[in-house]
Amino acid sequence: MYSRKTQSQASFANEFSKPKNLLNYKNKDLIGTPWQLAFALRNGGWYLRQDIIWHKPNPMPESVRDRCTKAHEYIFLFAKSVRYYFDYSAMLEVAKWDGWQKNIYNGSVKYGNSTSLLTNQQIHKGG
């Protein structure tokens, strides 16, 4: 175990400053801790039902300069048994309506509502 030294008291070669060498990982490799935890829980009897990616629109900048700032986090949905209660309706939110779909049916403003100029053959070919 670690001794009770503070970071300033530890030498570079001591246990606080020197990174541990992990088997099969190169320097600066991602370890994948969230997924390793998820797989360990799955091996421990839990059911890994879903991985949810939480997008962070304004993430905290990282101090490293050799990769992008991570703008997402993983959330895992686990269940202890095959049959479980999930309240889907509790998670529903009111959708924001921007009127985009109206433009699809009435024709695009960009092309001057010229959908009548398209033939069925052009539409079916993805054109």
Protein backbone atom coordinates (compact mmCIF):
# COMPACT_ATOMS: atom_id res chain seq x y z
CA MET A 1 0.00 0.00 0.00
CA TYR A 2 1.03 3.63 -0.26
CA SER A 3 2.91 5.38 2.48
CA ARG A 4 1.43 8.48 4.10
CA LYS A 5 3.65 10.97 2.23
CA THR A 6 2.28 14.04 0.56
CA GLN A 7 2.86 14.64 -3.14
CA SER A 8 5.56 17.23 -2.42
CA GLN A 9 7.43 14.78 -0.16
CA ALA A 10 7.41 11.98 -2.72
CA SER A 11 10.37 11.65 -5.04
CA PHE A 12 9.88 11.18 -8.79
CA ALA A 13 10.72 7.51 -8.53
CA ASN A 14 8.28 7.03 -5.66
CA GLU A 15 4.77 5.65 -5.91
CA PHE A 16 2.95 8.99 -6.30
CA SER A 17 4.65 10.42 -9.37
CA LYS A 18 5.69 7.37 -11.32
CA PRO A 19 2.90 5.92 -13.47
CA LYS A 20 2.22 2.24 -13.12
CA ASN A 21 3.01 0.05 -16.13
CA LEU A 22 -0.11 -1.84 -17.09
CA LEU A 23 0.06 -5.04 -19.05
CA ASN A 24 -0.73 -4.69 -22.78
CA TYR A 25 -1.10 -0.88 -22.62
CA LYS A 26 1.24 1.55 -24.31
CA ASN A 27 2.03 4.99 -22.93
CA LYS A 28 -0.97 7.35 -23.43
CA ASP A 29 -3.34 4.49 -24.36
CA LEU A 30 -6.93 4.75 -23.19
CA ILE A 31 -7.65 2.17 -20.52
CA GLY A 32 -11.41 2.24 -20.99
CA THR A 33 -12.28 2.34 -17.31
CA PRO A 34 -16.04 2.90 -17.78
CA TRP A 35 -16.34 -0.14 -20.03
CA GLN A 36 -14.06 -2.25 -17.84
CA LEU A 37 -16.30 -1.47 -14.88
CA ALA A 38 -19.40 -2.30 -16.95
CA PHE A 39 -17.94 -5.65 -18.02
CA ALA A 40 -16.84 -6.45 -14.46
CA LEU A 41 -20.36 -5.78 -13.18
CA ARG A 42 -21.76 -7.93 -15.99
CA ASN A 43 -19.41 -10.75 -14.97
CA GLY A 44 -20.60 -10.25 -11.38
CA GLY A 45 -24.19 -11.12 -12.28
CA TRP A 46 -25.62 -7.78 -13.42
CA TYR A 47 -27.32 -7.41 -16.80
CA LEU A 48 -25.83 -4.65 -18.92
CA ARG A 49 -28.94 -3.38 -20.68
CA GLN A 50 -27.83 -0.16 -22.35
CA ASP A 51 -24.98 2.26 -22.78
CA ILE A 52 -26.10 5.88 -22.88
CA ILE A 53 -23.84 8.61 -24.19
CA TRP A 54 -24.35 11.88 -22.34
CA HIS A 55 -23.26 14.72 -24.61
CA LYS A 56 -21.79 17.65 -22.70
CA PRO A 57 -22.35 20.80 -24.78
CA ASN A 58 -19.89 22.89 -22.75
CA PRO A 59 -17.20 20.52 -21.37
CA MET A 60 -14.42 21.52 -19.03
CA PRO A 61 -11.17 22.04 -20.98
CA GLU A 62 -8.47 19.46 -20.36
CA SER A 63 -4.85 20.30 -19.61
CA VAL A 64 -3.50 17.96 -22.29
CA ARG A 65 -2.62 19.32 -25.72
CA ASP A 66 -2.20 16.11 -27.73
CA ARG A 67 -5.90 15.11 -27.99
CA CYS A 68 -9.35 16.67 -28.14
CA THR A 69 -11.33 17.55 -25.04
CA LYS A 70 -13.71 14.76 -24.13
CA ALA A 71 -17.25 16.07 -24.60
CA HIS A 72 -19.21 12.99 -23.52
CA GLU A 73 -19.65 10.62 -20.62
CA TYR A 74 -20.98 7.08 -20.46
CA ILE A 75 -24.01 6.16 -18.42
CA PHE A 76 -24.82 2.47 -18.11
CA LEU A 77 -28.22 0.93 -17.44
CA PHE A 78 -27.92 -2.23 -15.38
CA ALA A 79 -30.52 -4.66 -14.10
CA LYS A 80 -30.08 -7.34 -11.46
CA SER A 81 -32.55 -9.75 -13.09
CA VAL A 82 -33.88 -10.54 -16.55
CA ARG A 83 -37.29 -9.12 -15.69
CA TYR A 84 -37.27 -5.65 -14.20
CA TYR A 85 -39.46 -2.55 -14.09
CA PHE A 86 -38.51 0.35 -16.34
CA ASP A 87 -40.72 3.46 -16.28
CA TYR A 88 -40.32 4.71 -19.84
CA SER A 89 -42.98 7.40 -19.48
CA ALA A 90 -41.05 9.05 -16.62
CA MET A 91 -38.22 9.86 -19.02
CA LEU A 92 -40.30 11.45 -21.78
CA GLU A 93 -39.78 15.12 -22.50
CA VAL A 94 -41.77 17.57 -24.56
CA ALA A 95 -40.26 17.80 -28.04
CA LYS A 96 -39.09 21.16 -29.31
CA TRP A 97 -40.88 21.96 -32.57
CA ASP A 98 -39.03 24.18 -35.02
CA GLY A 99 -41.36 23.82 -37.98
CA TRP A 100 -38.72 21.96 -40.04
CA GLN A 101 -41.09 19.14 -40.90
CA LYS A 102 -43.57 21.60 -42.38
CA ASN A 103 -40.93 22.60 -44.94
CA ILE A 104 -40.53 18.97 -45.99
CA TYR A 105 -44.20 18.69 -46.97
CA ASN A 106 -44.70 22.21 -48.33
CA GLY A 107 -41.41 22.43 -50.19
CA SER A 108 -38.14 23.98 -49.17
CA VAL A 109 -37.82 27.74 -48.85
CA LYS A 110 -34.35 27.43 -50.38
CA TYR A 111 -35.73 26.08 -53.67
CA GLY A 112 -38.78 28.32 -53.77
CA ASN A 113 -41.37 25.61 -53.01
CA SER A 114 -40.49 23.87 -56.26
CA THR A 115 -41.43 20.35 -55.18
CA SER A 116 -44.07 20.23 -57.91
CA LEU A 117 -41.24 20.26 -60.48
CA LEU A 118 -39.96 16.87 -59.24
CA THR A 119 -41.35 13.77 -60.91
CA ASN A 120 -42.16 10.57 -59.06
CA GLN A 121 -39.21 8.87 -60.75
CA GLN A 122 -36.76 11.46 -59.35
CA ILE A 123 -38.21 11.14 -55.85
CA HIS A 124 -38.05 7.32 -55.83
CA LYS A 125 -34.41 7.37 -56.97
CA GLY A 126 -33.51 9.54 -54.00
CA GLY A 127 -33.17 12.62 -56.19
